[in-house]
Amino acid sequence: MRCFKLLIMSSVSLFILIQTALGCDIVLKEKATVNSNNITIKEIASRYPANLKDIVIAPAPFANNSITLTKAFISFTLKQKGIKATVCGSKTVKISAETITLKASDIQRIIGKNLTIVSHLPILLPAGSYKFKVVSVSHSTKFTFYTIQAIKNGKFQRTINITALREQTTRLIPVAKRDIEVGQIITASDITFAKLSGIAPNTFTNKSYIVNRIATNFIPKGSTFSTANTRRFKPVKMGDLVSVEVVAGRIRITTVAKALKGGYKGDIIPIMYLSSKKIMPAVITGKKQVIVQ
C-alpha cells in the first residue's frame, strides 16, 4: 500500500513538472556557450518561440571567461523589452565564451615572417571568422613591434600588440680605421668599413657625413661614428680673421676680413673688411677661409 502511495505521488510530481514545462515559453539550460558579442535566447534556452530566438539578454563574456545569469534576471530583461514570456528550467545559466587561439605559428602567418616572438602567447579571441591586418611596424635596437587589428564580420574587434626579436641583418658600416683622439678632425683616411648588425639609430652609415667632423670622445679602432662621439667641425667662428678670396670675372684677389658670424662649410656669413669696414656676404670654403663672388 505504501509503495502504491509513493508511486502515485511520483506520478503526480512528474505530471506537474511536465505541465509546467509545457506551459513555459522559454526553458533555460544550466550551461551555454556563445560565439558572438551578445547572449541571445537561442543560446541559453533549450526551447523558445522562434520569434524570440535573437533577443539579446546581455553582452557576451570576454574570451576564456564566463558569467552566470539568473532566471529572475532573464525574466526581468524580457519584461523591460516589453516581451511577455514565461521562463522556466534552470534557476541559473552559466555562459562561457567560445574562443579561438592564436599561437606563434598563427602570428607568423599573419605577419608573413618567421619571427622569434617574445609576447605572451597564446592569444585568445571570441570564436568567429577573423581577418587580421598589420597596421604598424616599429623598431628598437633589439626588438620589432607589430600592431595588428582583428576584424570580424567587417567590424574592428580589438588590437593585438606583438613584440619580436629584431631580425639581425649585417651591412657595411663606416668604423674607425685607427684610434682617434678627442678633438681630432676626422679625415677620409681615418675611416674604413666593417660588416655589422644591430647598429644604434644615431650611427652614421655614410662616410661623407663623418669626414671633417671632430671627435668629442676617444674613438677606439673599429668603433662606429655617431652624433654621440663626434660633432660638426666649425671652420669659422664669430670674430675669426678669415682669408677672403674675392672673385670678379677672371680676377681673383685675396685679402683679410673679420667674420661677424660663425658657420659651417657652405654657410653664408657676413664679413667685414678690416681696411674699409665694408660688410659683405661670404661663403665658408674651409678653415678660416671664405669666398666672395
C-alpha atoms as a PDB file:
ATOM      1  CA  MET A   1       0.000   0.000   0.000  1.00  0.00           C
ATOM      2  CA  ARG A   2       2.845   2.341   0.950  1.00  0.00           C
ATOM      3  CA  CYS A   3       4.647   1.658  -2.372  1.00  0.00           C
ATOM      4  CA  PHE A   4       1.410   2.329  -4.209  1.00  0.00           C
ATOM      5  CA  LYS A   5       1.101   5.757  -2.489  1.00  0.00           C
ATOM      6  CA  LEU A   6       4.726   6.646  -3.360  1.00  0.00           C
ATOM      7  CA  LEU A   7       4.118   5.662  -6.981  1.00  0.00           C
ATOM      8  CA  ILE A   8       1.035   7.884  -7.124  1.00  0.00           C
ATOM      9  CA  MET A   9       2.938  10.854  -5.592  1.00  0.00           C
ATOM     10  CA  SER A  10       5.842  10.431  -8.039  1.00  0.00           C
ATOM     11  CA  SER A  11       3.471  10.265 -10.966  1.00  0.00           C
ATOM     12  CA  VAL A  12       1.685  13.415  -9.799  1.00  0.00           C
ATOM     13  CA  SER A  13       5.011  15.286  -9.383  1.00  0.00           C
ATOM     14  CA  LEU A  14       6.165  14.206 -12.846  1.00  0.00           C
ATOM     15  CA  PHE A  15       2.799  15.271 -14.280  1.00  0.00           C
ATOM     16  CA  ILE A  16       3.123  18.705 -12.622  1.00  0.00           C
ATOM     17  CA  LEU A  17       6.686  19.138 -13.990  1.00  0.00           C
ATOM     18  CA  ILE A  18       5.569  18.167 -17.480  1.00  0.00           C
ATOM     19  CA  GLN A  19       2.620  20.519 -17.318  1.00  0.00           C
ATOM     20  CA  THR A  20       4.870  23.333 -16.029  1.00  0.00           C
ATOM     21  CA  ALA A  21       7.399  22.807 -18.841  1.00  0.00           C
ATOM     22  CA  LEU A  22       4.613  22.664 -21.418  1.00  0.00           C
ATOM     23  CA  GLY A  23       3.255  25.932 -20.053  1.00  0.00           C
ATOM     24  CA  CYS A  24       6.642  27.688 -20.390  1.00  0.00           C
ATOM     25  CA  ASP A  25       7.603  29.802 -23.338  1.00  0.00           C
ATOM     26  CA  ILE A  26      11.333  29.596 -22.591  1.00  0.00           C
ATOM     27  CA  VAL A  27      13.124  26.652 -20.956  1.00  0.00           C
ATOM     28  CA  LEU A  28      16.595  27.607 -19.696  1.00  0.00           C
ATOM     29  CA  LYS A  29      19.676  25.403 -19.881  1.00  0.00           C
ATOM     30  CA  GLU A  30      22.139  25.020 -16.997  1.00  0.00           C
ATOM     31  CA  LYS A  31      25.145  25.818 -19.208  1.00  0.00           C
ATOM     32  CA  ALA A  32      25.643  27.538 -22.558  1.00  0.00           C
ATOM     33  CA  THR A  33      28.420  28.776 -24.818  1.00  0.00           C
ATOM     34  CA  VAL A  34      28.375  31.796 -27.098  1.00  0.00           C
ATOM     35  CA  ASN A  35      30.499  32.745 -30.085  1.00  0.00           C
ATOM     36  CA  SER A  36      29.243  36.266 -30.682  1.00  0.00           C
ATOM     37  CA  ASN A  37      29.334  39.622 -28.884  1.00  0.00           C
ATOM     38  CA  ASN A  38      25.914  39.115 -27.270  1.00  0.00           C
ATOM     39  CA  ILE A  39      23.969  36.453 -25.376  1.00  0.00           C
ATOM     40  CA  THR A  40      20.674  35.615 -27.085  1.00  0.00           C
ATOM     41  CA  ILE A  41      17.712  33.443 -26.125  1.00  0.00           C
ATOM     42  CA  LYS A  42      18.572  30.715 -28.621  1.00  0.00           C
ATOM     43  CA  GLU A  43      21.938  30.171 -26.895  1.00  0.00           C
ATOM     44  CA  ILE A  44      20.712  29.877 -23.310  1.00  0.00           C
ATOM     45  CA  ALA A  45      17.403  28.047 -23.821  1.00  0.00           C
ATOM     46  CA  SER A  46      16.594  24.521 -24.941  1.00  0.00           C
ATOM     47  CA  ARG A  47      13.120  25.588 -26.058  1.00  0.00           C
ATOM     48  CA  TYR A  48      11.856  29.023 -27.094  1.00  0.00           C
ATOM     49  CA  PRO A  49       9.443  30.685 -29.529  1.00  0.00           C
ATOM     50  CA  ALA A  50      11.042  31.211 -32.926  1.00  0.00           C
ATOM     51  CA  ASN A  51      10.338  34.930 -32.851  1.00  0.00           C
ATOM     52  CA  LEU A  52      12.374  35.332 -29.629  1.00  0.00           C
ATOM     53  CA  LYS A  53      15.488  33.425 -30.655  1.00  0.00           C
ATOM     54  CA  ASP A  54      17.599  36.526 -31.415  1.00  0.00           C
ATOM     55  CA  ILE A  55      16.513  38.624 -28.419  1.00  0.00           C
ATOM     56  CA  VAL A  56      19.676  39.922 -26.697  1.00  0.00           C
ATOM     57  CA  ILE A  57      19.753  39.315 -22.941  1.00  0.00           C
ATOM     58  CA  ALA A  58      23.265  40.576 -22.088  1.00  0.00           C
ATOM     59  CA  PRO A  59      26.737  41.182 -23.568  1.00  0.00           C
ATOM     60  CA  ALA A  60      28.798  38.034 -24.012  1.00  0.00           C
ATOM     61  CA  PRO A  61      31.723  37.390 -21.634  1.00  0.00           C
ATOM     62  CA  PHE A  62      35.268  38.029 -22.805  1.00  0.00           C
ATOM     63  CA  ALA A  63      37.284  35.210 -24.321  1.00  0.00           C
ATOM     64  CA  ASN A  64      38.151  32.457 -21.834  1.00  0.00           C
ATOM     65  CA  ASN A  65      35.709  33.924 -19.271  1.00  0.00           C
ATOM     66  CA  SER A  66      32.195  33.084 -18.120  1.00  0.00           C
ATOM     67  CA  ILE A  67      29.210  34.783 -16.482  1.00  0.00           C
ATOM     68  CA  THR A  68      26.131  33.425 -14.729  1.00  0.00           C
ATOM     69  CA  LEU A  69      22.631  34.768 -15.414  1.00  0.00           C
ATOM     70  CA  THR A  70      19.699  34.027 -13.120  1.00  0.00           C
ATOM     71  CA  LYS A  71      16.199  33.132 -14.274  1.00  0.00           C
ATOM     72  CA  ALA A  72      14.924  36.215 -12.449  1.00  0.00           C
ATOM     73  CA  PHE A  73      17.344  38.468 -14.369  1.00  0.00           C
ATOM     74  CA  ILE A  74      16.359  36.935 -17.709  1.00  0.00           C
ATOM     75  CA  SER A  75      12.650  37.341 -16.930  1.00  0.00           C
ATOM     76  CA  PHE A  76      13.211  40.959 -15.853  1.00  0.00           C
ATOM     77  CA  THR A  77      15.210  41.718 -19.035  1.00  0.00           C
ATOM     78  CA  LEU A  78      12.465  40.328 -21.249  1.00  0.00           C
ATOM     79  CA  LYS A  79       9.875  42.364 -19.331  1.00  0.00           C
ATOM     80  CA  GLN A  80      11.990  45.522 -19.787  1.00  0.00           C
ATOM     81  CA  LYS A  81      11.951  44.863 -23.527  1.00  0.00           C
ATOM     82  CA  GLY A  82       8.153  44.604 -23.472  1.00  0.00           C
ATOM     83  CA  ILE A  83       8.156  40.856 -24.086  1.00  0.00           C
ATOM     84  CA  LYS A  84       5.573  38.725 -22.256  1.00  0.00           C
ATOM     85  CA  ALA A  85       7.010  35.237 -21.884  1.00  0.00           C
ATOM     86  CA  THR A  86       7.109  32.698 -19.094  1.00  0.00           C
ATOM     87  CA  VAL A  87      10.568  31.389 -18.193  1.00  0.00           C
ATOM     88  CA  CYS A  88      11.315  28.074 -16.531  1.00  0.00           C
ATOM     89  CA  GLY A  89      14.049  25.472 -16.451  1.00  0.00           C
ATOM     90  CA  SER A  90      17.347  26.030 -14.656  1.00  0.00           C
ATOM     91  CA  LYS A  91      17.444  28.746 -11.990  1.00  0.00           C
ATOM     92  CA  THR A  92      20.827  29.886 -13.314  1.00  0.00           C
ATOM     93  CA  VAL A  93      22.635  29.652 -16.640  1.00  0.00           C
ATOM     94  CA  LYS A  94      26.451  29.635 -16.718  1.00  0.00           C
ATOM     95  CA  ILE A  95      27.585  31.118 -20.031  1.00  0.00           C
ATOM     96  CA  SER A  96      31.099  30.705 -21.404  1.00  0.00           C
ATOM     97  CA  ALA A  97      32.614  32.337 -24.456  1.00  0.00           C
ATOM     98  CA  GLU A  98      33.852  30.077 -27.230  1.00  0.00           C
ATOM     99  CA  THR A  99      37.377  31.056 -28.214  1.00  0.00           C
ATOM    100  CA  ILE A 100      39.935  30.715 -30.938  1.00  0.00           C
ATOM    101  CA  THR A 101      43.603  30.517 -30.049  1.00  0.00           C
ATOM    102  CA  LEU A 102      46.352  32.453 -31.827  1.00  0.00           C
ATOM    103  CA  LYS A 103      49.624  30.574 -31.467  1.00  0.00           C
ATOM    104  CA  ALA A 104      53.110  31.650 -32.582  1.00  0.00           C
ATOM    105  CA  SER A 105      52.610  29.937 -35.939  1.00  0.00           C
ATOM    106  CA  ASP A 106      49.383  31.905 -36.476  1.00  0.00           C
ATOM    107  CA  ILE A 107      51.095  35.226 -35.691  1.00  0.00           C
ATOM    108  CA  GLN A 108      53.958  34.370 -38.049  1.00  0.00           C
ATOM    109  CA  ARG A 109      51.445  33.584 -40.793  1.00  0.00           C
ATOM    110  CA  ILE A 110      49.618  36.896 -40.228  1.00  0.00           C
ATOM    111  CA  ILE A 111      52.843  38.935 -40.306  1.00  0.00           C
ATOM    112  CA  GLY A 112      54.404  36.844 -43.058  1.00  0.00           C
ATOM    113  CA  LYS A 113      57.722  36.262 -41.308  1.00  0.00           C
ATOM    114  CA  ASN A 114      59.373  33.534 -39.259  1.00  0.00           C
ATOM    115  CA  LEU A 115      59.800  35.530 -36.041  1.00  0.00           C
ATOM    116  CA  THR A 116      61.109  34.898 -32.556  1.00  0.00           C
ATOM    117  CA  ILE A 117      58.107  36.230 -30.619  1.00  0.00           C
ATOM    118  CA  VAL A 118      58.605  37.411 -27.033  1.00  0.00           C
ATOM    119  CA  SER A 119      54.994  38.464 -26.377  1.00  0.00           C
ATOM    120  CA  HIS A 120      52.908  36.204 -24.121  1.00  0.00           C
ATOM    121  CA  LEU A 121      51.148  33.556 -26.204  1.00  0.00           C
ATOM    122  CA  PRO A 122      48.664  32.133 -26.989  1.00  0.00           C
ATOM    123  CA  ILE A 123      46.190  34.973 -27.514  1.00  0.00           C
ATOM    124  CA  LEU A 124      42.521  34.096 -27.043  1.00  0.00           C
ATOM    125  CA  LEU A 125      39.746  35.698 -29.093  1.00  0.00           C
ATOM    126  CA  PRO A 126      35.995  35.115 -29.098  1.00  0.00           C
ATOM    127  CA  ALA A 127      35.154  32.430 -31.648  1.00  0.00           C
ATOM    128  CA  GLY A 128      34.373  33.528 -35.172  1.00  0.00           C
ATOM    129  CA  SER A 129      35.851  34.207 -38.585  1.00  0.00           C
ATOM    130  CA  TYR A 130      38.515  36.913 -38.461  1.00  0.00           C
ATOM    131  CA  LYS A 131      40.640  38.886 -40.842  1.00  0.00           C
ATOM    132  CA  PHE A 132      43.899  40.285 -39.483  1.00  0.00           C
ATOM    133  CA  LYS A 133      45.693  43.397 -40.685  1.00  0.00           C
ATOM    134  CA  VAL A 134      49.182  44.619 -39.709  1.00  0.00           C
ATOM    135  CA  VAL A 135      48.683  48.377 -39.312  1.00  0.00           C
ATOM    136  CA  SER A 136      52.090  49.488 -37.986  1.00  0.00           C
ATOM    137  CA  VAL A 137      55.651  48.261 -37.523  1.00  0.00           C
ATOM    138  CA  SER A 138      58.329  49.982 -35.438  1.00  0.00           C
ATOM    139  CA  HIS A 139      61.798  49.027 -34.241  1.00  0.00           C
ATOM    140  CA  SER A 140      64.172  49.449 -31.337  1.00  0.00           C
ATOM    141  CA  THR A 141      67.745  48.225 -31.284  1.00  0.00           C
ATOM    142  CA  LYS A 142      66.732  44.702 -30.212  1.00  0.00           C
ATOM    143  CA  PHE A 143      63.006  44.404 -30.913  1.00  0.00           C
ATOM    144  CA  THR A 144      60.369  44.887 -33.596  1.00  0.00           C
ATOM    145  CA  PHE A 145      56.870  45.951 -32.545  1.00  0.00           C
ATOM    146  CA  TYR A 146      53.833  44.961 -34.628  1.00  0.00           C
ATOM    147  CA  THR A 147      50.313  46.338 -34.227  1.00  0.00           C
ATOM    148  CA  ILE A 148      47.624  44.033 -35.645  1.00  0.00           C
ATOM    149  CA  GLN A 149      43.912  44.707 -35.989  1.00  0.00           C
ATOM    150  CA  ALA A 150      41.440  41.816 -35.628  1.00  0.00           C
ATOM    151  CA  ILE A 151      38.389  42.355 -37.863  1.00  0.00           C
ATOM    152  CA  LYS A 152      35.264  40.194 -37.573  1.00  0.00           C
ATOM    153  CA  ASN A 153      32.312  40.452 -39.960  1.00  0.00           C
ATOM    154  CA  GLY A 154      33.795  43.656 -41.354  1.00  0.00           C
ATOM    155  CA  LYS A 155      33.969  45.320 -37.922  1.00  0.00           C
ATOM    156  CA  PHE A 156      37.040  46.141 -35.845  1.00  0.00           C
ATOM    157  CA  GLN A 157      37.183  43.898 -32.758  1.00  0.00           C
ATOM    158  CA  ARG A 158      40.471  44.533 -30.984  1.00  0.00           C
ATOM    159  CA  THR A 159      44.131  45.491 -31.328  1.00  0.00           C
ATOM    160  CA  ILE A 160      46.837  42.881 -30.863  1.00  0.00           C
ATOM    161  CA  ASN A 161      50.350  44.088 -29.991  1.00  0.00           C
ATOM    162  CA  ILE A 162      53.213  41.718 -30.766  1.00  0.00           C
ATOM    163  CA  THR A 163      56.875  42.112 -29.781  1.00  0.00           C
ATOM    164  CA  ALA A 164      59.500  40.019 -31.566  1.00  0.00           C
ATOM    165  CA  LEU A 165      63.280  39.941 -31.619  1.00  0.00           C
ATOM    166  CA  ARG A 166      64.519  42.200 -34.374  1.00  0.00           C
ATOM    167  CA  GLU A 167      65.938  40.406 -37.392  1.00  0.00           C
ATOM    168  CA  GLN A 168      69.675  40.948 -37.375  1.00  0.00           C
ATOM    169  CA  THR A 169      70.944  41.800 -40.858  1.00  0.00           C
ATOM    170  CA  THR A 170      74.541  42.795 -41.482  1.00  0.00           C
ATOM    171  CA  ARG A 171      75.623  45.775 -43.574  1.00  0.00           C
ATOM    172  CA  LEU A 172      78.813  47.669 -44.304  1.00  0.00           C
ATOM    173  CA  ILE A 173      79.175  50.469 -41.763  1.00  0.00           C
ATOM    174  CA  PRO A 174      81.971  53.084 -41.507  1.00  0.00           C
ATOM    175  CA  VAL A 175      84.232  52.454 -38.498  1.00  0.00           C
ATOM    176  CA  ALA A 176      87.442  53.953 -37.150  1.00  0.00           C
ATOM    177  CA  LYS A 177      90.496  52.648 -39.006  1.00  0.00           C
ATOM    178  CA  ARG A 178      92.708  53.594 -36.067  1.00  0.00           C
ATOM    179  CA  ASP A 179      92.330  55.097 -32.585  1.00  0.00           C
ATOM    180  CA  ILE A 180      91.050  58.680 -32.820  1.00  0.00           C
ATOM    181  CA  GLU A 181      91.815  61.154 -30.037  1.00  0.00           C
ATOM    182  CA  VAL A 182      89.420  63.717 -28.568  1.00  0.00           C
ATOM    183  CA  GLY A 183      89.395  66.935 -30.617  1.00  0.00           C
ATOM    184  CA  GLN A 184      90.865  65.299 -33.737  1.00  0.00           C
ATOM    185  CA  ILE A 185      89.358  66.267 -37.078  1.00  0.00           C
ATOM    186  CA  ILE A 186      88.332  63.042 -38.793  1.00  0.00           C
ATOM    187  CA  THR A 187      89.640  62.587 -42.337  1.00  0.00           C
ATOM    188  CA  ALA A 188      88.798  60.041 -45.025  1.00  0.00           C
ATOM    189  CA  SER A 189      91.981  58.104 -44.171  1.00  0.00           C
ATOM    190  CA  ASP A 190      90.702  57.574 -40.607  1.00  0.00           C
ATOM    191  CA  ILE A 191      87.703  55.592 -41.863  1.00  0.00           C
ATOM    192  CA  THR A 192      87.273  52.001 -43.039  1.00  0.00           C
ATOM    193  CA  PHE A 193      84.242  49.685 -43.285  1.00  0.00           C
ATOM    194  CA  ALA A 194      83.079  46.621 -41.379  1.00  0.00           C
ATOM    195  CA  LYS A 195      80.052  44.303 -41.586  1.00  0.00           C
ATOM    196  CA  LEU A 196      77.871  44.999 -38.541  1.00  0.00           C
ATOM    197  CA  SER A 197      74.345  44.265 -37.347  1.00  0.00           C
ATOM    198  CA  GLY A 198      72.093  45.849 -34.765  1.00  0.00           C
ATOM    199  CA  ILE A 199      73.607  49.318 -35.016  1.00  0.00           C
ATOM    200  CA  ALA A 200      72.305  52.203 -32.891  1.00  0.00           C
ATOM    201  CA  PRO A 201      69.848  54.636 -34.554  1.00  0.00           C
ATOM    202  CA  ASN A 202      72.252  57.630 -34.384  1.00  0.00           C
ATOM    203  CA  THR A 203      75.133  55.780 -36.085  1.00  0.00           C
ATOM    204  CA  PHE A 204      76.473  57.286 -39.320  1.00  0.00           C
ATOM    205  CA  THR A 205      76.207  54.903 -42.258  1.00  0.00           C
ATOM    206  CA  ASN A 206      77.605  57.289 -44.890  1.00  0.00           C
ATOM    207  CA  LYS A 207      81.321  58.085 -44.930  1.00  0.00           C
ATOM    208  CA  SER A 208      80.774  61.576 -46.325  1.00  0.00           C
ATOM    209  CA  TYR A 209      78.821  62.566 -43.206  1.00  0.00           C
ATOM    210  CA  ILE A 210      81.810  61.721 -40.991  1.00  0.00           C
ATOM    211  CA  VAL A 211      84.694  63.430 -42.819  1.00  0.00           C
ATOM    212  CA  ASN A 212      85.668  66.758 -41.194  1.00  0.00           C
ATOM    213  CA  ARG A 213      83.709  66.063 -38.006  1.00  0.00           C
ATOM    214  CA  ILE A 214      85.535  66.409 -34.679  1.00  0.00           C
ATOM    215  CA  ALA A 215      85.838  63.566 -32.166  1.00  0.00           C
ATOM    216  CA  THR A 216      84.179  64.567 -28.886  1.00  0.00           C
ATOM    217  CA  ASN A 217      85.229  61.305 -27.188  1.00  0.00           C
ATOM    218  CA  PHE A 218      88.102  58.897 -27.655  1.00  0.00           C
ATOM    219  CA  ILE A 219      87.073  56.598 -30.537  1.00  0.00           C
ATOM    220  CA  PRO A 220      88.818  53.200 -30.419  1.00  0.00           C
ATOM    221  CA  LYS A 221      89.803  51.398 -33.601  1.00  0.00           C
ATOM    222  CA  GLY A 222      86.812  49.522 -35.077  1.00  0.00           C
ATOM    223  CA  SER A 223      84.198  51.718 -33.375  1.00  0.00           C
ATOM    224  CA  THR A 224      81.307  53.299 -35.240  1.00  0.00           C
ATOM    225  CA  PHE A 225      80.822  57.048 -35.621  1.00  0.00           C
ATOM    226  CA  SER A 226      77.712  58.766 -34.327  1.00  0.00           C
ATOM    227  CA  THR A 227      76.330  62.023 -33.021  1.00  0.00           C
ATOM    228  CA  ALA A 228      77.300  60.755 -29.549  1.00  0.00           C
ATOM    229  CA  ASN A 229      81.060  60.674 -30.210  1.00  0.00           C
ATOM    230  CA  THR A 230      81.505  63.348 -32.910  1.00  0.00           C
ATOM    231  CA  ARG A 231      80.327  66.862 -33.709  1.00  0.00           C
ATOM    232  CA  ARG A 232      80.404  69.019 -36.806  1.00  0.00           C
ATOM    233  CA  PHE A 233      83.641  70.911 -37.394  1.00  0.00           C
ATOM    234  CA  LYS A 234      83.004  74.651 -37.362  1.00  0.00           C
ATOM    235  CA  PRO A 235      85.682  76.108 -39.655  1.00  0.00           C
ATOM    236  CA  VAL A 236      84.778  79.722 -38.948  1.00  0.00           C
ATOM    237  CA  LYS A 237      83.815  81.201 -35.585  1.00  0.00           C
ATOM    238  CA  MET A 238      82.486  84.675 -34.873  1.00  0.00           C
ATOM    239  CA  GLY A 239      85.400  87.114 -34.564  1.00  0.00           C
ATOM    240  CA  ASP A 240      87.860  84.961 -36.562  1.00  0.00           C
ATOM    241  CA  LEU A 241      90.146  86.712 -39.012  1.00  0.00           C
ATOM    242  CA  VAL A 242      89.453  84.892 -42.250  1.00  0.00           C
ATOM    243  CA  SER A 243      91.218  84.693 -45.587  1.00  0.00           C
ATOM    244  CA  VAL A 244      88.895  86.140 -48.215  1.00  0.00           C
ATOM    245  CA  GLU A 245      89.089  85.200 -51.870  1.00  0.00           C
ATOM    246  CA  VAL A 246      87.331  87.826 -53.973  1.00  0.00           C
ATOM    247  CA  VAL A 247      86.318  86.640 -57.429  1.00  0.00           C
ATOM    248  CA  ALA A 248      85.347  89.177 -60.130  1.00  0.00           C
ATOM    249  CA  GLY A 249      85.266  87.524 -63.528  1.00  0.00           C
ATOM    250  CA  ARG A 250      88.789  86.204 -64.167  1.00  0.00           C
ATOM    251  CA  ILE A 251      90.281  88.341 -61.437  1.00  0.00           C
ATOM    252  CA  ARG A 252      90.932  86.777 -58.019  1.00  0.00           C
ATOM    253  CA  ILE A 253      92.084  88.856 -55.073  1.00  0.00           C
ATOM    254  CA  THR A 254      92.960  87.569 -51.623  1.00  0.00           C
ATOM    255  CA  THR A 255      92.533  89.759 -48.567  1.00  0.00           C
ATOM    256  CA  VAL A 256      91.700  89.503 -44.857  1.00  0.00           C
ATOM    257  CA  ALA A 257      88.380  90.232 -43.110  1.00  0.00           C
ATOM    258  CA  LYS A 258      86.654  89.661 -39.784  1.00  0.00           C
ATOM    259  CA  ALA A 259      83.884  87.094 -39.502  1.00  0.00           C
ATOM    260  CA  LEU A 260      80.809  88.653 -37.908  1.00  0.00           C
ATOM    261  CA  LYS A 261      79.176  85.264 -37.518  1.00  0.00           C
ATOM    262  CA  GLY A 262      80.352  81.668 -37.235  1.00  0.00           C
ATOM    263  CA  GLY A 263      79.270  78.854 -39.505  1.00  0.00           C
ATOM    264  CA  TYR A 264      79.937  75.587 -41.272  1.00  0.00           C
ATOM    265  CA  LYS A 265      81.288  74.828 -44.741  1.00  0.00           C
ATOM    266  CA  GLY A 266      78.842  76.119 -47.345  1.00  0.00           C
ATOM    267  CA  ASP A 267      77.159  78.576 -44.964  1.00  0.00           C
ATOM    268  CA  ILE A 268      76.844  82.219 -45.956  1.00  0.00           C
ATOM    269  CA  ILE A 269      78.070  84.591 -43.240  1.00  0.00           C
ATOM    270  CA  PRO A 270      78.671  88.372 -43.015  1.00  0.00           C
ATOM    271  CA  ILE A 271      82.318  89.537 -43.030  1.00  0.00           C
ATOM    272  CA  MET A 272      83.809  92.987 -42.525  1.00  0.00           C
ATOM    273  CA  TYR A 273      86.875  94.148 -44.427  1.00  0.00           C
ATOM    274  CA  LEU A 274      89.463  95.489 -41.988  1.00  0.00           C
ATOM    275  CA  SER A 275      90.520  98.492 -44.070  1.00  0.00           C
ATOM    276  CA  SER A 276      87.198  99.797 -45.415  1.00  0.00           C
ATOM    277  CA  LYS A 277      84.902  98.399 -42.670  1.00  0.00           C
ATOM    278  CA  LYS A 278      82.599  97.374 -45.515  1.00  0.00           C
ATOM    279  CA  ILE A 279      80.358  94.400 -44.746  1.00  0.00           C
ATOM    280  CA  MET A 280      79.795  91.728 -47.403  1.00  0.00           C
ATOM    281  CA  PRO A 281      78.268  88.232 -47.518  1.00  0.00           C
ATOM    282  CA  ALA A 282      80.749  85.384 -47.998  1.00  0.00           C
ATOM    283  CA  VAL A 283      80.592  81.593 -48.372  1.00  0.00           C
ATOM    284  CA  ILE A 284      82.675  79.462 -45.994  1.00  0.00           C
ATOM    285  CA  THR A 285      85.006  77.196 -48.008  1.00  0.00           C
ATOM    286  CA  GLY A 286      87.328  75.837 -45.323  1.00  0.00           C
ATOM    287  CA  LYS A 287      89.074  76.512 -42.029  1.00  0.00           C
ATOM    288  CA  LYS A 288      89.086  80.330 -41.679  1.00  0.00           C
ATOM    289  CA  GLN A 289      88.549  80.611 -45.420  1.00  0.00           C
ATOM    290  CA  VAL A 290      85.695  82.288 -47.310  1.00  0.00           C
ATOM    291  CA  ILE A 291      84.942  83.361 -50.860  1.00  0.00           C
ATOM    292  CA  VAL A 292      83.135  86.467 -52.118  1.00  0.00           C
ATOM    293  CA  GLN A 293      81.665  86.353 -55.610  1.00  0.00           C
END
